[in-house]
């Protein structure tokens, strides 16, 4: 048998161990399950991905890209006061 020493945030450890306990697992059993899944699937056994922007953020990104592609079609401001004056006539 081998030993593994890891450092983990106390709060994360406590929350995970609460879940393990409700599932009837010890932390050792849970980690062994994780390792077995890595071997079985030859991968990390959960999806790893970067945060995906929501629809509103994607629309804002597209709007900025449109504005950058066609700057002559959009009014620009050199300072915030001018922008605010234009927004609140």
N, C-alpha and C. Protein backbone atom coordinates (compact mmCIF):
# COMPACT_ATOMS: atom_id res chain seq x y z
N UNK A 1 0.85 -1.19 0.00
CA UNK A 1 0.00 0.00 0.00
C UNK A 1 0.89 1.25 0.00
N UNK A 2 0.41 2.29 -0.67
CA UNK A 2 1.13 3.56 -0.75
C UNK A 2 0.35 4.62 0.01
N UNK A 3 1.07 5.60 0.49
CA UNK A 3 0.45 6.75 1.15
C UNK A 3 0.55 7.96 0.22
N UNK A 4 -0.48 8.79 0.25
CA UNK A 4 -0.49 10.03 -0.51
C UNK A 4 -0.71 11.17 0.47
N UNK A 5 0.14 12.17 0.41
CA UNK A 5 -0.02 13.35 1.25
C UNK A 5 -0.41 14.52 0.35
N UNK A 6 -1.54 15.13 0.65
CA UNK A 6 -2.00 16.27 -0.14
C UNK A 6 -2.37 17.42 0.78
N UNK A 7 -2.33 18.62 0.24
CA UNK A 7 -2.78 19.80 0.97
C UNK A 7 -4.08 20.25 0.32
N UNK A 8 -5.07 20.56 1.14
CA UNK A 8 -6.36 20.98 0.64
C UNK A 8 -6.97 21.96 1.62
N UNK A 9 -7.72 22.90 1.10
CA UNK A 9 -8.39 23.89 1.93
C UNK A 9 -9.28 23.19 2.96
N UNK A 10 -9.25 23.65 4.20
CA UNK A 10 -10.02 23.02 5.28
C UNK A 10 -11.51 22.98 4.99
N UNK A 11 -12.05 24.06 4.43
CA UNK A 11 -13.49 24.13 4.16
C UNK A 11 -13.88 23.13 3.07
N UNK A 12 -13.07 23.03 2.03
CA UNK A 12 -13.35 22.08 0.95
C UNK A 12 -13.30 20.65 1.49
N UNK A 13 -12.30 20.38 2.32
CA UNK A 13 -12.15 19.04 2.90
C UNK A 13 -13.38 18.69 3.73
N UNK A 14 -13.82 19.60 4.56
CA UNK A 14 -14.97 19.34 5.43
C UNK A 14 -16.24 19.11 4.61
N UNK A 15 -16.46 19.93 3.59
CA UNK A 15 -17.66 19.78 2.76
C UNK A 15 -17.64 18.47 1.99
N UNK A 16 -16.50 18.11 1.45
CA UNK A 16 -16.39 16.85 0.71
C UNK A 16 -16.59 15.66 1.65
N UNK A 17 -16.00 15.72 2.82
CA UNK A 17 -16.13 14.61 3.76
C UNK A 17 -17.57 14.45 4.26
N UNK A 18 -18.32 15.55 4.32
CA UNK A 18 -19.73 15.47 4.68
C UNK A 18 -20.50 14.68 3.60
N UNK A 19 -20.18 14.96 2.34
CA UNK A 19 -20.81 14.22 1.24
C UNK A 19 -20.39 12.75 1.29
N UNK A 20 -19.09 12.49 1.47
CA UNK A 20 -18.62 11.11 1.56
C UNK A 20 -19.38 10.36 2.65
N UNK A 21 -19.52 10.98 3.80
CA UNK A 21 -20.19 10.36 4.93
C UNK A 21 -21.64 10.00 4.59
N UNK A 22 -22.33 10.91 3.94
CA UNK A 22 -23.72 10.65 3.55
C UNK A 22 -23.81 9.50 2.54
N UNK A 23 -22.75 9.29 1.78
CA UNK A 23 -22.70 8.19 0.82
C UNK A 23 -22.15 6.91 1.45
N UNK A 24 -21.78 6.99 2.72
CA UNK A 24 -21.23 5.82 3.41
C UNK A 24 -19.79 5.53 3.04
N UNK A 25 -19.07 6.58 2.64
CA UNK A 25 -17.67 6.43 2.23
C UNK A 25 -16.74 7.13 3.20
N UNK A 26 -15.54 6.60 3.31
CA UNK A 26 -14.47 7.32 4.00
C UNK A 26 -13.72 8.12 2.94
N UNK A 27 -12.95 9.12 3.35
CA UNK A 27 -12.14 9.84 2.36
C UNK A 27 -11.20 8.90 1.59
N UNK A 28 -10.64 7.92 2.25
CA UNK A 28 -9.75 6.97 1.59
C UNK A 28 -10.49 6.19 0.51
N UNK A 29 -11.70 5.73 0.83
CA UNK A 29 -12.50 4.99 -0.15
C UNK A 29 -12.84 5.89 -1.34
N UNK A 30 -13.22 7.13 -1.07
CA UNK A 30 -13.57 8.06 -2.14
C UNK A 30 -12.38 8.30 -3.07
N UNK A 31 -11.20 8.49 -2.50
CA UNK A 31 -10.01 8.72 -3.32
C UNK A 31 -9.66 7.46 -4.11
N UNK A 32 -9.82 6.29 -3.49
CA UNK A 32 -9.59 5.04 -4.23
C UNK A 32 -10.58 4.90 -5.39
N UNK A 33 -11.84 5.27 -5.17
CA UNK A 33 -12.81 5.24 -6.26
C UNK A 33 -12.38 6.16 -7.40
N UNK A 34 -11.92 7.35 -7.03
CA UNK A 34 -11.44 8.29 -8.04
C UNK A 34 -10.30 7.67 -8.85
N UNK A 35 -9.32 7.09 -8.19
CA UNK A 35 -8.18 6.49 -8.88
C UNK A 35 -8.64 5.34 -9.79
N UNK A 36 -9.56 4.51 -9.30
CA UNK A 36 -10.07 3.41 -10.12
C UNK A 36 -10.76 3.93 -11.38
N UNK A 37 -11.52 5.00 -11.24
CA UNK A 37 -12.18 5.59 -12.40
C UNK A 37 -11.17 6.16 -13.39
N UNK A 38 -10.11 6.77 -12.89
CA UNK A 38 -9.04 7.28 -13.77
C UNK A 38 -8.46 6.13 -14.58
N UNK A 39 -8.19 5.03 -13.91
CA UNK A 39 -7.62 3.86 -14.60
C UNK A 39 -8.63 3.30 -15.59
N UNK A 40 -9.88 3.14 -15.16
CA UNK A 40 -10.90 2.53 -16.01
C UNK A 40 -11.19 3.36 -17.26
N UNK A 41 -11.30 4.68 -17.08
CA UNK A 41 -11.66 5.55 -18.21
C UNK A 41 -10.45 6.13 -18.93
N UNK A 42 -9.29 5.96 -18.31
CA UNK A 42 -8.05 6.55 -18.85
C UNK A 42 -8.21 8.04 -19.05
N UNK A 43 -8.91 8.67 -18.10
CA UNK A 43 -9.15 10.12 -18.16
C UNK A 43 -9.51 10.60 -16.76
N UNK A 44 -9.66 11.90 -16.64
CA UNK A 44 -10.22 12.47 -15.42
C UNK A 44 -11.72 12.15 -15.48
N UNK A 45 -12.29 11.55 -14.44
CA UNK A 45 -13.67 11.07 -14.53
C UNK A 45 -14.75 12.13 -14.32
N UNK A 46 -14.48 13.31 -14.75
CA UNK A 46 -15.49 14.37 -14.76
C UNK A 46 -15.07 15.38 -15.80
N UNK A 47 -16.03 16.18 -16.23
CA UNK A 47 -15.77 17.14 -17.31
C UNK A 47 -14.94 18.31 -16.81
N UNK A 48 -13.89 18.63 -17.52
CA UNK A 48 -13.07 19.80 -17.24
C UNK A 48 -13.29 20.79 -18.37
N UNK A 49 -13.71 22.00 -18.03
CA UNK A 49 -13.94 22.99 -19.06
C UNK A 49 -13.79 24.38 -18.47
N UNK A 50 -13.50 25.31 -19.34
CA UNK A 50 -13.44 26.71 -18.95
C UNK A 50 -14.86 27.22 -18.81
N UNK A 51 -15.04 28.25 -18.02
CA UNK A 51 -16.36 28.85 -17.89
C UNK A 51 -16.85 29.30 -19.26
N UNK A 52 -18.09 29.02 -19.55
CA UNK A 52 -18.69 29.42 -20.81
C UNK A 52 -19.57 30.63 -20.53
N UNK A 53 -19.35 31.71 -21.27
CA UNK A 53 -20.17 32.91 -21.03
C UNK A 53 -21.65 32.62 -21.28
N UNK A 54 -22.51 33.27 -20.48
CA UNK A 54 -23.95 33.11 -20.69
C UNK A 54 -24.38 33.87 -21.94
N UNK A 55 -25.65 33.71 -22.32
CA UNK A 55 -26.15 34.32 -23.57
C UNK A 55 -25.99 35.83 -23.59
N UNK A 56 -26.26 36.47 -22.46
CA UNK A 56 -26.16 37.93 -22.40
C UNK A 56 -24.72 38.39 -22.64
N UNK A 57 -23.77 37.69 -22.04
CA UNK A 57 -22.36 38.03 -22.22
C UNK A 57 -21.92 37.77 -23.66
N UNK A 58 -22.38 36.65 -24.24
CA UNK A 58 -22.05 36.36 -25.64
C UNK A 58 -22.58 37.44 -26.57
N UNK A 59 -23.80 37.93 -26.29
CA UNK A 59 -24.36 39.01 -27.11
C UNK A 59 -23.53 40.28 -26.98
N UNK A 60 -23.07 40.59 -25.77
CA UNK A 60 -22.24 41.78 -25.55
C UNK A 60 -20.91 41.65 -26.29
N UNK A 61 -20.33 40.46 -26.26
CA UNK A 61 -19.07 40.23 -26.97
C UNK A 61 -19.26 40.44 -28.46
N UNK A 62 -20.35 39.89 -29.01
CA UNK A 62 -20.63 40.06 -30.44
C UNK A 62 -20.85 41.53 -30.79
N UNK A 63 -21.52 42.25 -29.88
CA UNK A 63 -21.76 43.67 -30.12
C UNK A 63 -20.44 44.45 -30.18
N UNK A 64 -19.54 44.16 -29.26
CA UNK A 64 -18.24 44.83 -29.26
C UNK A 64 -17.46 44.48 -30.52
N UNK A 65 -17.50 43.20 -30.93
CA UNK A 65 -16.80 42.80 -32.15
C UNK A 65 -17.36 43.54 -33.36
N UNK A 66 -18.68 43.70 -33.40
CA UNK A 66 -19.33 44.45 -34.49
C UNK A 66 -18.87 45.90 -34.47
N UNK A 67 -18.81 46.49 -33.30
CA UNK A 67 -18.39 47.89 -33.18
C UNK A 67 -16.93 48.06 -33.60
N UNK A 68 -16.09 47.10 -33.24
CA UNK A 68 -14.68 47.18 -33.63
C UNK A 68 -14.51 47.00 -35.14
N UNK A 69 -15.35 46.17 -35.74
CA UNK A 69 -15.27 45.93 -37.19
C UNK A 69 -15.79 47.11 -38.00
N UNK A 70 -16.70 47.89 -37.42
CA UNK A 70 -17.33 49.01 -38.13
C UNK A 70 -17.33 50.28 -37.27
N UNK A 71 -16.15 50.77 -36.91
CA UNK A 71 -16.10 51.91 -35.99
C UNK A 71 -16.77 53.18 -36.53
N UNK A 72 -16.84 53.32 -37.85
CA UNK A 72 -17.44 54.51 -38.46
C UNK A 72 -18.96 54.57 -38.24
N UNK A 73 -19.55 53.44 -37.85
CA UNK A 73 -21.00 53.39 -37.65
C UNK A 73 -21.41 53.67 -36.19
N UNK A 74 -20.43 53.86 -35.34
CA UNK A 74 -20.73 54.03 -33.91
C UNK A 74 -20.05 55.28 -33.37
N UNK A 75 -20.75 55.97 -32.50
CA UNK A 75 -20.22 57.18 -31.89
C UNK A 75 -19.27 56.79 -30.77
N UNK A 76 -18.15 57.50 -30.68
CA UNK A 76 -17.19 57.26 -29.61
C UNK A 76 -17.14 58.45 -28.67
N UNK A 77 -16.61 58.22 -27.50
CA UNK A 77 -16.49 59.27 -26.48
C UNK A 77 -15.07 59.29 -25.96
N UNK A 78 -14.59 60.49 -25.66
CA UNK A 78 -13.23 60.61 -25.12
C UNK A 78 -13.23 60.65 -23.60
N UNK A 79 -14.42 60.83 -23.00
CA UNK A 79 -14.48 60.81 -21.54
C UNK A 79 -15.89 60.41 -21.08
N UNK A 80 -16.00 60.02 -19.84
CA UNK A 80 -17.25 59.53 -19.29
C UNK A 80 -18.30 60.64 -19.21
N UNK A 81 -17.88 61.84 -18.91
CA UNK A 81 -18.86 62.94 -18.80
C UNK A 81 -19.61 63.15 -20.12
N UNK A 82 -18.90 63.12 -21.24
CA UNK A 82 -19.56 63.28 -22.53
C UNK A 82 -20.55 62.14 -22.79
N UNK A 83 -20.15 60.95 -22.44
CA UNK A 83 -21.05 59.80 -22.59
C UNK A 83 -22.30 59.96 -21.75
N UNK A 84 -22.12 60.36 -20.50
CA UNK A 84 -23.27 60.54 -19.60
C UNK A 84 -24.18 61.66 -20.08
N UNK A 85 -23.58 62.74 -20.57
CA UNK A 85 -24.39 63.86 -21.10
C UNK A 85 -25.22 63.40 -22.29
N UNK A 86 -24.64 62.56 -23.13
CA UNK A 86 -25.35 62.07 -24.30
C UNK A 86 -26.46 61.09 -23.92
N UNK A 87 -26.25 60.33 -22.85
CA UNK A 87 -27.25 59.35 -22.39
C UNK A 87 -28.38 60.00 -21.61
N UNK A 88 -28.11 61.13 -20.99
CA UNK A 88 -29.11 61.82 -20.16
C UNK A 88 -29.28 63.27 -20.63
N UNK A 89 -29.90 63.47 -21.79
CA UNK A 89 -30.00 64.84 -22.32
C UNK A 89 -30.90 65.75 -21.46
